[in-house]
């Protein structure tokens, strides 16, 4: 994850390495079920990736890729999980107002636990994967 963080921060070599990683991993299995999870969820609860791709139109895929993303470091997530309901409030804030609203939500919700600078250092705006904004690799479309 350090490579991705460095790429986001603008490190040229890290961006190139991340782009190489993306090319190498394209089409490969990246996520798998942990032991027993599929049986616990049941056969119809989780769609297969191929089914999702087949049911997703080009416009839906473009909309998903155009969405701005954020990264929450594990230490910040532990802080969030200590405040009852903050995870749900954060999601609603992000869905309604993007990164600025989510950051304000965190600053309000965690104000007594950590400083705003500490929150900002562990809550990262990623940008969209397509469109006019920056990508994870740092290039623009």
Foldseek 3Di string as FASTA:
>chain_A
DVLLVVLQVPDQVSLVVVVVVCVVCVPHDDDDDDPPPDVVCDVPNDDDPVVVVVPADPVNVVVVQQDKDKAADPVLVVLQVVQPPLVVVLVVQCVVPNPVSSLVSSCVRCVVPDPSVVRDVRMGTQGGCADQIAHSSGDYD
